[in-house]
Amino acid sequence: MEAQEDIVTPLLDKLKIFSKNSIELWKLKSMEKILFVFSTLISRVIMGLAIIIALFSTTIALALWLGEILGKLYWGFLMITVLYLLLALILYLFHKNIRNKVNNTLISLMLN
């Protein structure tokens, strides 16, 4: 009986060490996934902000140019507003496809 206890005790100790290491490994892998997704999102947000700023300044320049061509400044801004309303309508019509694409991208980032 004592021989079995001598065998079981080191096995239990190794099992404890293994379980602690497994939990630590799981924590580290989870943290790696979370940080990868977070850093990807942050970099894409920064890139998106740069694109929005460029689009905003281009929009103002285009509105001023169209206003100059049409004779009244407000006509240029009105034309750009109509363009953005059409874009918003198109995005509204396809919002489910866009949402699914974003969901799939986030899932694939977390699983890879």
PDB file of N, CA and C in Angstrom:
ATOM      1  N   MET A   1       0.824  -1.190   0.000  1.00  0.00           N
ATOM      2  CA  MET A   1       0.000   0.000   0.000  1.00  0.00           C
ATOM      3  C   MET A   1       0.869   1.255   0.000  1.00  0.00           C
ATOM      4  N   GLU A   2       1.949   1.184   0.727  1.00  0.00           N
ATOM      5  CA  GLU A   2       2.854   2.315   0.807  1.00  0.00           C
ATOM      6  C   GLU A   2       3.532   2.572  -0.535  1.00  0.00           C
ATOM      7  N   ALA A   3       3.773   1.533  -1.291  1.00  0.00           N
ATOM      8  CA  ALA A   3       4.389   1.681  -2.608  1.00  0.00           C
ATOM      9  C   ALA A   3       3.460   2.403  -3.568  1.00  0.00           C
ATOM     10  N   GLN A   4       2.160   2.129  -3.440  1.00  0.00           N
ATOM     11  CA  GLN A   4       1.193   2.828  -4.299  1.00  0.00           C
ATOM     12  C   GLN A   4       1.144   4.310  -3.953  1.00  0.00           C
ATOM     13  N   GLU A   5       1.212   4.645  -2.657  1.00  0.00           N
ATOM     14  CA  GLU A   5       1.206   6.054  -2.246  1.00  0.00           C
ATOM     15  C   GLU A   5       2.457   6.757  -2.751  1.00  0.00           C
ATOM     16  N   ASP A   6       3.587   6.029  -2.787  1.00  0.00           N
ATOM     17  CA  ASP A   6       4.822   6.619  -3.298  1.00  0.00           C
ATOM     18  C   ASP A   6       4.719   6.921  -4.790  1.00  0.00           C
ATOM     19  N   ILE A   7       3.943   6.115  -5.520  1.00  0.00           N
ATOM     20  CA  ILE A   7       3.753   6.335  -6.958  1.00  0.00           C
ATOM     21  C   ILE A   7       2.713   7.425  -7.198  1.00  0.00           C
ATOM     22  N   VAL A   8       1.649   7.423  -6.414  1.00  0.00           N
ATOM     23  CA  VAL A   8       0.536   8.351  -6.620  1.00  0.00           C
ATOM     24  C   VAL A   8       0.925   9.783  -6.269  1.00  0.00           C
ATOM     25  N   THR A   9       1.678   9.974  -5.224  1.00  0.00           N
ATOM     26  CA  THR A   9       2.036  11.328  -4.781  1.00  0.00           C
ATOM     27  C   THR A   9       2.810  12.100  -5.855  1.00  0.00           C
ATOM     28  N   PRO A  10       3.848  11.559  -6.481  1.00  0.00           N
ATOM     29  CA  PRO A  10       4.529  12.313  -7.543  1.00  0.00           C
ATOM     30  C   PRO A  10       3.621  12.549  -8.758  1.00  0.00           C
ATOM     31  N   LEU A  11       2.742  11.563  -9.033  1.00  0.00           N
ATOM     32  CA  LEU A  11       1.819  11.756 -10.156  1.00  0.00           C
ATOM     33  C   LEU A  11       0.853  12.900  -9.883  1.00  0.00           C
ATOM     34  N   LEU A  12       0.354  12.971  -8.671  1.00  0.00           N
ATOM     35  CA  LEU A  12      -0.542  14.077  -8.311  1.00  0.00           C
ATOM     36  C   LEU A  12       0.183  15.419  -8.377  1.00  0.00           C
ATOM     37  N   ASP A  13       1.421  15.436  -7.912  1.00  0.00           N
ATOM     38  CA  ASP A  13       2.207  16.676  -7.994  1.00  0.00           C
ATOM     39  C   ASP A  13       2.425  17.095  -9.445  1.00  0.00           C
ATOM     40  N   LYS A  14       2.741  16.122 -10.298  1.00  0.00           N
ATOM     41  CA  LYS A  14       2.924  16.427 -11.718  1.00  0.00           C
ATOM     42  C   LYS A  14       1.618  16.870 -12.359  1.00  0.00           C
ATOM     43  N   LEU A  15       0.503  16.270 -11.925  1.00  0.00           N
ATOM     44  CA  LEU A  15      -0.804  16.659 -12.439  1.00  0.00           C
ATOM     45  C   LEU A  15      -1.138  18.090 -12.051  1.00  0.00           C
ATOM     46  N   LYS A  16      -0.826  18.475 -10.821  1.00  0.00           N
ATOM     47  CA  LYS A  16      -1.045  19.856 -10.378  1.00  0.00           C
ATOM     48  C   LYS A  16      -0.219  20.835 -11.211  1.00  0.00           C
ATOM     49  N   ILE A  17       1.043  20.496 -11.415  1.00  0.00           N
ATOM     50  CA  ILE A  17       1.925  21.356 -12.212  1.00  0.00           C
ATOM     51  C   ILE A  17       1.417  21.446 -13.648  1.00  0.00           C
ATOM     52  N   PHE A  18       1.007  20.307 -14.199  1.00  0.00           N
ATOM     53  CA  PHE A  18       0.486  20.287 -15.563  1.00  0.00           C
ATOM     54  C   PHE A  18      -0.771  21.136 -15.684  1.00  0.00           C
ATOM     55  N   SER A  19      -1.680  21.022 -14.731  1.00  0.00           N
ATOM     56  CA  SER A  19      -2.923  21.805 -14.803  1.00  0.00           C
ATOM     57  C   SER A  19      -2.631  23.294 -14.664  1.00  0.00           C
ATOM     58  N   LYS A  20      -1.720  23.661 -13.773  1.00  0.00           N
ATOM     59  CA  LYS A  20      -1.350  25.079 -13.638  1.00  0.00           C
ATOM     60  C   LYS A  20      -0.730  25.598 -14.928  1.00  0.00           C
ATOM     61  N   ASN A  21       0.145  24.807 -15.530  1.00  0.00           N
ATOM     62  CA  ASN A  21       0.771  25.217 -16.790  1.00  0.00           C
ATOM     63  C   ASN A  21      -0.238  25.297 -17.927  1.00  0.00           C
ATOM     64  N   SER A  22      -1.194  24.366 -17.942  1.00  0.00           N
ATOM     65  CA  SER A  22      -2.230  24.394 -18.980  1.00  0.00           C
ATOM     66  C   SER A  22      -3.094  25.640 -18.861  1.00  0.00           C
ATOM     67  N   ILE A  23      -3.466  25.979 -17.631  1.00  0.00           N
ATOM     68  CA  ILE A  23      -4.261  27.188 -17.405  1.00  0.00           C
ATOM     69  C   ILE A  23      -3.468  28.426 -17.808  1.00  0.00           C
ATOM     70  N   GLU A  24      -2.213  28.469 -17.444  1.00  0.00           N
ATOM     71  CA  GLU A  24      -1.356  29.616 -17.805  1.00  0.00           C
ATOM     72  C   GLU A  24      -1.212  29.725 -19.323  1.00  0.00           C
ATOM     73  N   LEU A  25      -1.032  28.602 -19.989  1.00  0.00           N
ATOM     74  CA  LEU A  25      -0.937  28.605 -21.448  1.00  0.00           C
ATOM     75  C   LEU A  25      -2.229  29.090 -22.080  1.00  0.00           C
ATOM     76  N   TRP A  26      -3.357  28.645 -21.575  1.00  0.00           N
ATOM     77  CA  TRP A  26      -4.655  29.091 -22.086  1.00  0.00           C
ATOM     78  C   TRP A  26      -4.823  30.591 -21.899  1.00  0.00           C
ATOM     79  N   LYS A  27      -4.418  31.108 -20.729  1.00  0.00           N
ATOM     80  CA  LYS A  27      -4.494  32.550 -20.471  1.00  0.00           C
ATOM     81  C   LYS A  27      -3.631  33.323 -21.475  1.00  0.00           C
ATOM     82  N   LEU A  28      -2.423  32.840 -21.695  1.00  0.00           N
ATOM     83  CA  LEU A  28      -1.513  33.538 -22.609  1.00  0.00           C
ATOM     84  C   LEU A  28      -2.029  33.502 -24.050  1.00  0.00           C
ATOM     85  N   LYS A  29      -2.557  32.353 -24.475  1.00  0.00           N
ATOM     86  CA  LYS A  29      -3.109  32.263 -25.829  1.00  0.00           C
ATOM     87  C   LYS A  29      -4.325  33.168 -25.977  1.00  0.00           C
ATOM     88  N   SER A  30      -5.175  33.216 -24.954  1.00  0.00           N
ATOM     89  CA  SER A  30      -6.348  34.091 -25.000  1.00  0.00           C
ATOM     90  C   SER A  30      -5.922  35.549 -25.066  1.00  0.00           C
ATOM     91  N   MET A  31      -4.939  35.907 -24.263  1.00  0.00           N
ATOM     92  CA  MET A  31      -4.456  37.285 -24.265  1.00  0.00           C
ATOM     93  C   MET A  31      -3.860  37.640 -25.623  1.00  0.00           C
ATOM     94  N   GLU A  32      -3.140  36.703 -26.228  1.00  0.00           N
ATOM     95  CA  GLU A  32      -2.556  36.949 -27.539  1.00  0.00           C
ATOM     96  C   GLU A  32      -3.652  37.218 -28.570  1.00  0.00           C
ATOM     97  N   LYS A  33      -4.720  36.429 -28.553  1.00  0.00           N
ATOM     98  CA  LYS A  33      -5.828  36.623 -29.495  1.00  0.00           C
ATOM     99  C   LYS A  33      -6.499  37.968 -29.277  1.00  0.00           C
ATOM    100  N   ILE A  34      -6.776  38.289 -28.019  1.00  0.00           N
ATOM    101  CA  ILE A  34      -7.444  39.556 -27.704  1.00  0.00           C
ATOM    102  C   ILE A  34      -6.590  40.731 -28.140  1.00  0.00           C
ATOM    103  N   LEU A  35      -5.301  40.686 -27.837  1.00  0.00           N
ATOM    104  CA  LEU A  35      -4.414  41.785 -28.229  1.00  0.00           C
ATOM    105  C   LEU A  35      -4.271  41.889 -29.740  1.00  0.00           C
ATOM    106  N   PHE A  36      -4.267  40.755 -30.435  1.00  0.00           N
ATOM    107  CA  PHE A  36      -4.187  40.783 -31.896  1.00  0.00           C
ATOM    108  C   PHE A  36      -5.425  41.448 -32.485  1.00  0.00           C
ATOM    109  N   VAL A  37      -6.606  41.055 -32.005  1.00  0.00           N
ATOM    110  CA  VAL A  37      -7.846  41.650 -32.502  1.00  0.00           C
ATOM    111  C   VAL A  37      -7.886  43.139 -32.157  1.00  0.00           C
ATOM    112  N   PHE A  38      -7.533  43.484 -30.932  1.00  0.00           N
ATOM    113  CA  PHE A  38      -7.568  44.878 -30.503  1.00  0.00           C
ATOM    114  C   PHE A  38      -6.597  45.738 -31.302  1.00  0.00           C
ATOM    115  N   SER A  39      -5.381  45.251 -31.500  1.00  0.00           N
ATOM    116  CA  SER A  39      -4.402  46.042 -32.254  1.00  0.00           C
ATOM    117  C   SER A  39      -4.816  46.173 -33.720  1.00  0.00           C
ATOM    118  N   THR A  40      -5.425  45.123 -34.282  1.00  0.00           N
ATOM    119  CA  THR A  40      -5.913  45.210 -35.656  1.00  0.00           C
ATOM    120  C   THR A  40      -7.021  46.241 -35.761  1.00  0.00           C
ATOM    121  N   LEU A  41      -7.943  46.223 -34.802  1.00  0.00           N
ATOM    122  CA  LEU A  41      -9.037  47.199 -34.829  1.00  0.00           C
ATOM    123  C   LEU A  41      -8.519  48.629 -34.664  1.00  0.00           C
ATOM    124  N   ILE A  42      -7.584  48.818 -33.747  1.00  0.00           N
ATOM    125  CA  ILE A  42      -7.035  50.161 -33.532  1.00  0.00           C
ATOM    126  C   ILE A  42      -6.336  50.666 -34.784  1.00  0.00           C
ATOM    127  N   SER A  43      -5.550  49.824 -35.436  1.00  0.00           N
ATOM    128  CA  SER A  43      -4.848  50.271 -36.639  1.00  0.00           C
ATOM    129  C   SER A  43      -5.835  50.590 -37.759  1.00  0.00           C
ATOM    130  N   ARG A  44      -6.902  49.813 -37.856  1.00  0.00           N
ATOM    131  CA  ARG A  44      -7.907  50.092 -38.885  1.00  0.00           C
ATOM    132  C   ARG A  44      -8.706  51.352 -38.566  1.00  0.00           C
ATOM    133  N   VAL A  45      -8.952  51.615 -37.297  1.00  0.00           N
ATOM    134  CA  VAL A  45      -9.640  52.858 -36.914  1.00  0.00           C
ATOM    135  C   VAL A  45      -8.780  54.057 -37.263  1.00  0.00           C
ATOM    136  N   ILE A  46      -7.485  53.980 -36.983  1.00  0.00           N
ATOM    137  CA  ILE A  46      -6.579  55.084 -37.315  1.00  0.00           C
ATOM    138  C   ILE A  46      -6.530  55.293 -38.827  1.00  0.00           C
ATOM    139  N   MET A  47      -6.449  54.205 -39.573  1.00  0.00           N
ATOM    140  CA  MET A  47      -6.449  54.313 -41.028  1.00  0.00           C
ATOM    141  C   MET A  47      -7.778  54.903 -41.521  1.00  0.00           C
ATOM    142  N   GLY A  48      -8.868  54.476 -40.906  1.00  0.00           N
ATOM    143  CA  GLY A  48     -10.179  55.005 -41.274  1.00  0.00           C
ATOM    144  C   GLY A  48     -10.294  56.496 -40.992  1.00  0.00           C
ATOM    145  N   LEU A  49      -9.742  56.940 -39.861  1.00  0.00           N
ATOM    146  CA  LEU A  49      -9.767  58.369 -39.545  1.00  0.00           C
ATOM    147  C   LEU A  49      -8.975  59.181 -40.567  1.00  0.00           C
ATOM    148  N   ALA A  50      -7.843  58.660 -40.986  1.00  0.00           N
ATOM    149  CA  ALA A  50      -7.049  59.356 -42.004  1.00  0.00           C
ATOM    150  C   ALA A  50      -7.832  59.451 -43.315  1.00  0.00           C
ATOM    151  N   ILE A  51      -8.524  58.381 -43.674  1.00  0.00           N
ATOM    152  CA  ILE A  51      -9.335  58.397 -44.897  1.00  0.00           C
ATOM    153  C   ILE A  51     -10.495  59.375 -44.758  1.00  0.00           C
ATOM    154  N   ILE A  52     -11.127  59.418 -43.586  1.00  0.00           N
ATOM    155  CA  ILE A  52     -12.250  60.342 -43.365  1.00  0.00           C
ATOM    156  C   ILE A  52     -11.785  61.787 -43.471  1.00  0.00           C
ATOM    157  N   ILE A  53     -10.638  62.104 -42.899  1.00  0.00           N
ATOM    158  CA  ILE A  53     -10.114  63.474 -42.992  1.00  0.00           C
ATOM    159  C   ILE A  53      -9.830  63.839 -44.443  1.00  0.00           C
ATOM    160  N   ALA A  54      -9.211  62.916 -45.186  1.00  0.00           N
ATOM    161  CA  ALA A  54      -8.938  63.184 -46.597  1.00  0.00           C
ATOM    162  C   ALA A  54     -10.232  63.334 -47.383  1.00  0.00           C
ATOM    163  N   LEU A  55     -11.207  62.486 -47.102  1.00  0.00           N
ATOM    164  CA  LEU A  55     -12.494  62.570 -47.788  1.00  0.00           C
ATOM    165  C   LEU A  55     -13.223  63.871 -47.457  1.00  0.00           C
ATOM    166  N   PHE A  56     -13.135  64.289 -46.206  1.00  0.00           N
ATOM    167  CA  PHE A  56     -13.774  65.530 -45.779  1.00  0.00           C
ATOM    168  C   PHE A  56     -13.189  66.741 -46.503  1.00  0.00           C
ATOM    169  N   SER A  57     -11.870  66.811 -46.558  1.00  0.00           N
ATOM    170  CA  SER A  57     -11.258  67.959 -47.240  1.00  0.00           C
ATOM    171  C   SER A  57     -11.511  67.897 -48.748  1.00  0.00           C
ATOM    172  N   THR A  58     -11.518  66.711 -49.326  1.00  0.00           N
ATOM    173  CA  THR A  58     -11.826  66.567 -50.750  1.00  0.00           C
ATOM    174  C   THR A  58     -13.268  66.968 -51.026  1.00  0.00           C
ATOM    175  N   THR A  59     -14.166  66.618 -50.125  1.00  0.00           N
ATOM    176  CA  THR A  59     -15.571  66.979 -50.279  1.00  0.00           C
ATOM    177  C   THR A  59     -15.751  68.492 -50.271  1.00  0.00           C
ATOM    178  N   ILE A  60     -15.090  69.161 -49.366  1.00  0.00           N
ATOM    179  CA  ILE A  60     -15.198  70.626 -49.306  1.00  0.00           C
ATOM    180  C   ILE A  60     -14.635  71.244 -50.587  1.00  0.00           C
ATOM    181  N   ALA A  61     -13.494  70.747 -51.024  1.00  0.00           N
ATOM    182  CA  ALA A  61     -12.903  71.283 -52.256  1.00  0.00           C
ATOM    183  C   ALA A  61     -13.822  71.033 -53.447  1.00  0.00           C
ATOM    184  N   LEU A  62     -14.402  69.855 -53.539  1.00  0.00           N
ATOM    185  CA  LEU A  62     -15.309  69.531 -54.642  1.00  0.00           C
ATOM    186  C   LEU A  62     -16.565  70.387 -54.587  1.00  0.00           C
ATOM    187  N   ALA A  63     -17.098  70.608 -53.389  1.00  0.00           N
ATOM    188  CA  ALA A  63     -18.290  71.443 -53.247  1.00  0.00           C
ATOM    189  C   ALA A  63     -17.992  72.884 -53.655  1.00  0.00           C
ATOM    190  N   LEU A  64     -16.837  73.399 -53.263  1.00  0.00           N
ATOM    191  CA  LEU A  64     -16.467  74.755 -53.656  1.00  0.00           C
ATOM    192  C   LEU A  64     -16.278  74.852 -55.174  1.00  0.00           C
ATOM    193  N   TRP A  65     -15.655  73.841 -55.757  1.00  0.00           N
ATOM    194  CA  TRP A  65     -15.432  73.823 -57.204  1.00  0.00           C
ATOM    195  C   TRP A  65     -16.760  73.751 -57.958  1.00  0.00           C
ATOM    196  N   LEU A  66     -17.660  72.853 -57.522  1.00  0.00           N
ATOM    197  CA  LEU A  66     -18.971  72.759 -58.170  1.00  0.00           C
ATOM    198  C   LEU A  66     -19.768  74.045 -58.000  1.00  0.00           C
ATOM    199  N   GLY A  67     -19.677  74.652 -56.823  1.00  0.00           N
ATOM    200  CA  GLY A  67     -20.369  75.920 -56.590  1.00  0.00           C
ATOM    201  C   GLY A  67     -19.865  77.021 -57.504  1.00  0.00           C
ATOM    202  N   GLU A  68     -18.565  77.014 -57.742  1.00  0.00           N
ATOM    203  CA  GLU A  68     -17.986  77.998 -58.658  1.00  0.00           C
ATOM    204  C   GLU A  68     -18.476  77.760 -60.083  1.00  0.00           C
ATOM    205  N   ILE A  69     -18.542  76.495 -60.492  1.00  0.00           N
ATOM    206  CA  ILE A  69     -19.008  76.164 -61.842  1.00  0.00           C
ATOM    207  C   ILE A  69     -20.489  76.516 -62.004  1.00  0.00           C
ATOM    208  N   LEU A  70     -21.307  76.209 -60.975  1.00  0.00           N
ATOM    209  CA  LEU A  70     -22.750  76.427 -61.060  1.00  0.00           C
ATOM    210  C   LEU A  70     -23.145  77.879 -60.790  1.00  0.00           C
ATOM    211  N   GLY A  71     -22.243  78.701 -60.336  1.00  0.00           N
ATOM    212  CA  GLY A  71     -22.530  80.118 -60.155  1.00  0.00           C
ATOM    213  C   GLY A  71     -22.861  80.494 -58.722  1.00  0.00           C
ATOM    214  N   LYS A  72     -23.352  79.588 -57.938  1.00  0.00           N
ATOM    215  CA  LYS A  72     -23.669  79.855 -56.527  1.00  0.00           C
ATOM    216  C   LYS A  72     -22.978  78.795 -55.676  1.00  0.00           C
ATOM    217  N   LEU A  73     -22.341  79.254 -54.626  1.00  0.00           N
ATOM    218  CA  LEU A  73     -21.580  78.338 -53.778  1.00  0.00           C
ATOM    219  C   LEU A  73     -22.465  77.268 -53.153  1.00  0.00           C
ATOM    220  N   TYR A  74     -23.669  77.646 -52.752  1.00  0.00           N
ATOM    221  CA  TYR A  74     -24.535  76.686 -52.069  1.00  0.00           C
ATOM    222  C   TYR A  74     -24.982  75.550 -52.989  1.00  0.00           C
ATOM    223  N   TRP A  75     -25.006  75.759 -54.306  1.00  0.00           N
ATOM    224  CA  TRP A  75     -25.380  74.674 -55.215  1.00  0.00           C
ATOM    225  C   TRP A  75     -24.356  73.538 -55.185  1.00  0.00           C
ATOM    226  N   GLY A  76     -23.102  73.888 -55.049  1.00  0.00           N
ATOM    227  CA  GLY A  76     -22.058  72.876 -54.955  1.00  0.00           C
ATOM    228  C   GLY A  76     -22.218  72.031 -53.698  1.00  0.00           C
ATOM    229  N   PHE A  77     -22.491  72.701 -52.572  1.00  0.00           N
ATOM    230  CA  PHE A  77     -22.689  71.960 -51.331  1.00  0.00           C
ATOM    231  C   PHE A  77     -23.978  71.138 -51.375  1.00  0.00           C
ATOM    232  N   LEU A  78     -24.991  71.656 -52.049  1.00  0.00           N
ATOM    233  CA  LEU A  78     -26.237  70.906 -52.196  1.00  0.00           C
ATOM    234  C   LEU A  78     -26.016  69.647 -53.038  1.00  0.00           C
ATOM    235  N   MET A  79     -25.248  69.757 -54.101  1.00  0.00           N
ATOM    236  CA  MET A  79     -24.960  68.582 -54.944  1.00  0.00           C
ATOM    237  C   MET A  79     -24.198  67.514 -54.149  1.00  0.00           C
ATOM    238  N   ILE A  80     -23.227  67.936 -53.365  1.00  0.00           N
ATOM    239  CA  ILE A  80     -22.461  66.994 -52.548  1.00  0.00           C
ATOM    240  C   ILE A  80     -23.355  66.360 -51.478  1.00  0.00           C
ATOM    241  N   THR A  81     -24.263  67.135 -50.916  1.00  0.00           N
ATOM    242  CA  THR A  81     -25.196  66.593 -49.930  1.00  0.00           C
ATOM    243  C   THR A  81     -26.080  65.518 -50.543  1.00  0.00           C
ATOM    244  N   VAL A  82     -26.574  65.766 -51.746  1.00  0.00           N
ATOM    245  CA  VAL A  82     -27.392  64.762 -52.429  1.00  0.00           C
ATOM    246  C   VAL A  82     -26.564  63.507 -52.704  1.00  0.00           C
ATOM    247  N   LEU A  83     -25.317  63.687 -53.090  1.00  0.00           N
ATOM    248  CA  LEU A  83     -24.438  62.542 -53.318  1.00  0.00           C
ATOM    249  C   LEU A  83     -24.275  61.709 -52.048  1.00  0.00           C
ATOM    250  N   TYR A  84     -24.072  62.381 -50.912  1.00  0.00           N
ATOM    251  CA  TYR A  84     -23.926  61.649 -49.653  1.00  0.00           C
ATOM    252  C   TYR A  84     -25.241  60.998 -49.215  1.00  0.00           C
ATOM    253  N   LEU A  85     -26.362  61.627 -49.496  1.00  0.00           N
ATOM    254  CA  LEU A  85     -27.640  60.999 -49.178  1.00  0.00           C
ATOM    255  C   LEU A  85     -27.857  59.731 -50.000  1.00  0.00           C
ATOM    256  N   LEU A  86     -27.467  59.759 -51.257  1.00  0.00           N
ATOM    257  CA  LEU A  86     -27.549  58.548 -52.080  1.00  0.00           C
ATOM    258  C   LEU A  86     -26.619  57.456 -51.549  1.00  0.00           C
ATOM    259  N   LEU A  87     -25.430  57.848 -51.149  1.00  0.00           N
ATOM    260  CA  LEU A  87     -24.498  56.892 -50.568  1.00  0.00           C
ATOM    261  C   LEU A  87     -25.063  56.290 -49.279  1.00  0.00           C
ATOM    262  N   ALA A  88     -25.681  57.139 -48.440  1.00  0.00           N
ATOM    263  CA  ALA A  88     -26.286  56.652 -47.200  1.00  0.00           C
ATOM    264  C   ALA A  88     -27.428  55.680 -47.496  1.00  0.00           C
ATOM    265  N   LEU A  89     -28.210  55.952 -48.522  1.00  0.00           N
ATOM    266  CA  LEU A  89     -29.302  55.063 -48.903  1.00  0.00           C
ATOM    267  C   LEU A  89     -28.757  53.713 -49.366  1.00  0.00           C
ATOM    268  N   ILE A  90     -27.714  53.734 -50.153  1.00  0.00           N
ATOM    269  CA  ILE A  90     -27.101  52.484 -50.622  1.00  0.00           C
ATOM    270  C   ILE A  90     -26.545  51.691 -49.442  1.00  0.00           C
ATOM    271  N   LEU A  91     -25.871  52.377 -48.512  1.00  0.00           N
ATOM    272  CA  LEU A  91     -25.337  51.692 -47.337  1.00  0.00           C
ATOM    273  C   LEU A  91     -26.460  51.124 -46.473  1.00  0.00           C
ATOM    274  N   TYR A  92     -27.566  51.843 -46.372  1.00  0.00           N
ATOM    275  CA  TYR A  92     -28.710  51.350 -45.602  1.00  0.00           C
ATOM    276  C   TYR A  92     -29.290  50.092 -46.234  1.00  0.00           C
ATOM    277  N   LEU A  93     -29.352  50.076 -47.552  1.00  0.00           N
ATOM    278  CA  LEU A  93     -29.904  48.909 -48.243  1.00  0.00           C
ATOM    279  C   LEU A  93     -29.025  47.676 -48.081  1.00  0.00           C
ATOM    280  N   PHE A  94     -27.714  47.876 -47.957  1.00  0.00           N
ATOM    281  CA  PHE A  94     -26.790  46.758 -47.859  1.00  0.00           C
ATOM    282  C   PHE A  94     -26.196  46.591 -46.456  1.00  0.00           C
ATOM    283  N   HIS A  95     -26.862  47.154 -45.434  1.00  0.00           N
ATOM    284  CA  HIS A  95     -26.277  47.118 -44.095  1.00  0.00           C
ATOM    285  C   HIS A  95     -26.158  45.701 -43.538  1.00  0.00           C
ATOM    286  N   LYS A  96     -27.053  44.796 -43.898  1.00  0.00           N
ATOM    287  CA  LYS A  96     -26.949  43.420 -43.402  1.00  0.00           C
ATOM    288  C   LYS A  96     -25.712  42.732 -43.977  1.00  0.00           C
ATOM    289  N   ASN A  97     -25.444  42.955 -45.259  1.00  0.00           N
ATOM    290  CA  ASN A  97     -24.245  42.370 -45.870  1.00  0.00           C
ATOM    291  C   ASN A  97     -22.978  42.934 -45.245  1.00  0.00           C
ATOM    292  N   ILE A  98     -22.982  44.229 -44.978  1.00  0.00           N
ATOM    293  CA  ILE A  98     -21.820  44.876 -44.372  1.00  0.00           C
ATOM    294  C   ILE A  98     -21.615  44.348 -42.951  1.00  0.00           C
ATOM    295  N   ARG A  99     -22.716  44.233 -42.193  1.00  0.00           N
ATOM    296  CA  ARG A  99     -22.627  43.722 -40.825  1.00  0.00           C
ATOM    297  C   ARG A  99     -22.096  42.284 -40.815  1.00  0.00           C
ATOM    298  N   ASN A 100     -22.584  41.451 -41.728  1.00  0.00           N
ATOM    299  CA  ASN A 100     -22.106  40.072 -41.802  1.00  0.00           C
ATOM    300  C   ASN A 100     -20.621  40.013 -42.145  1.00  0.00           C
ATOM    301  N   LYS A 101     -20.190  40.872 -43.053  1.00  0.00           N
ATOM    302  CA  LYS A 101     -18.772  40.910 -43.434  1.00  0.00           C
ATOM    303  C   LYS A 101     -17.908  41.304 -42.239  1.00  0.00           C
ATOM    304  N   VAL A 102     -18.356  42.297 -41.477  1.00  0.00           N
ATOM    305  CA  VAL A 102     -17.607  42.728 -40.288  1.00  0.00           C
ATOM    306  C   VAL A 102     -17.571  41.606 -39.257  1.00  0.00           C
ATOM    307  N   ASN A 103     -18.714  40.952 -39.032  1.00  0.00           N
ATOM    308  CA  ASN A 103     -18.757  39.835 -38.078  1.00  0.00           C
ATOM    309  C   ASN A 103     -17.819  38.715 -38.504  1.00  0.00           C
ATOM    310  N   ASN A 104     -17.841  38.365 -39.763  1.00  0.00           N
ATOM    311  CA  ASN A 104     -16.975  37.294 -40.262  1.00  0.00           C
ATOM    312  C   ASN A 104     -15.503  37.652 -40.124  1.00  0.00           C
ATOM    313  N   THR A 105     -15.180  38.912 -40.378  1.00  0.00           N
ATOM    314  CA  THR A 105     -13.798  39.365 -40.239  1.00  0.00           C
ATOM    315  C   THR A 105     -13.332  39.274 -38.785  1.00  0.00           C
ATOM    316  N   LEU A 106     -14.182  39.717 -37.856  1.00  0.00           N
ATOM    317  CA  LEU A 106     -13.815  39.652 -36.439  1.00  0.00           C
ATOM    318  C   LEU A 106     -13.671  38.206 -35.970  1.00  0.00           C
ATOM    319  N   ILE A 107     -14.567  37.349 -36.415  1.00  0.00           N
ATOM    320  CA  ILE A 107     -14.488  35.933 -36.031  1.00  0.00           C
ATOM    321  C   ILE A 107     -13.225  35.301 -36.575  1.00  0.00           C
ATOM    322  N   SER A 108     -12.907  35.599 -37.840  1.00  0.00           N
ATOM    323  CA  SER A 108     -11.692  35.015 -38.409  1.00  0.00           C
ATOM    324  C   SER A 108     -10.434  35.544 -37.736  1.00  0.00           C
ATOM    325  N   LEU A 109     -10.455  36.796 -37.298  1.00  0.00           N
ATOM    326  CA  LEU A 109      -9.307  37.334 -36.552  1.00  0.00           C
ATOM    327  C   LEU A 109      -9.141  36.623 -35.212  1.00  0.00           C
ATOM    328  N   MET A 110     -10.248  36.332 -34.556  1.00  0.00           N
ATOM    329  CA  MET A 110     -10.161  35.697 -33.246  1.00  0.00           C
ATOM    330  C   MET A 110      -9.802  34.217 -33.347  1.00  0.00           C
ATOM    331  N   LEU A 111     -10.178  33.571 -34.437  1.00  0.00           N
ATOM    332  CA  LEU A 111      -9.912  32.139 -34.551  1.00  0.00           C
ATOM    333  C   LEU A 111      -8.549  31.819 -35.139  1.00  0.00           C
ATOM    334  N   ASN A 112      -7.927  32.754 -35.818  1.00  0.00           N
ATOM    335  CA  ASN A 112      -6.601  32.491 -36.419  1.00  0.00           C
ATOM    336  C   ASN A 112      -5.495  32.832 -35.474  1.00  0.00           C
TER     337      ASN A 112
END
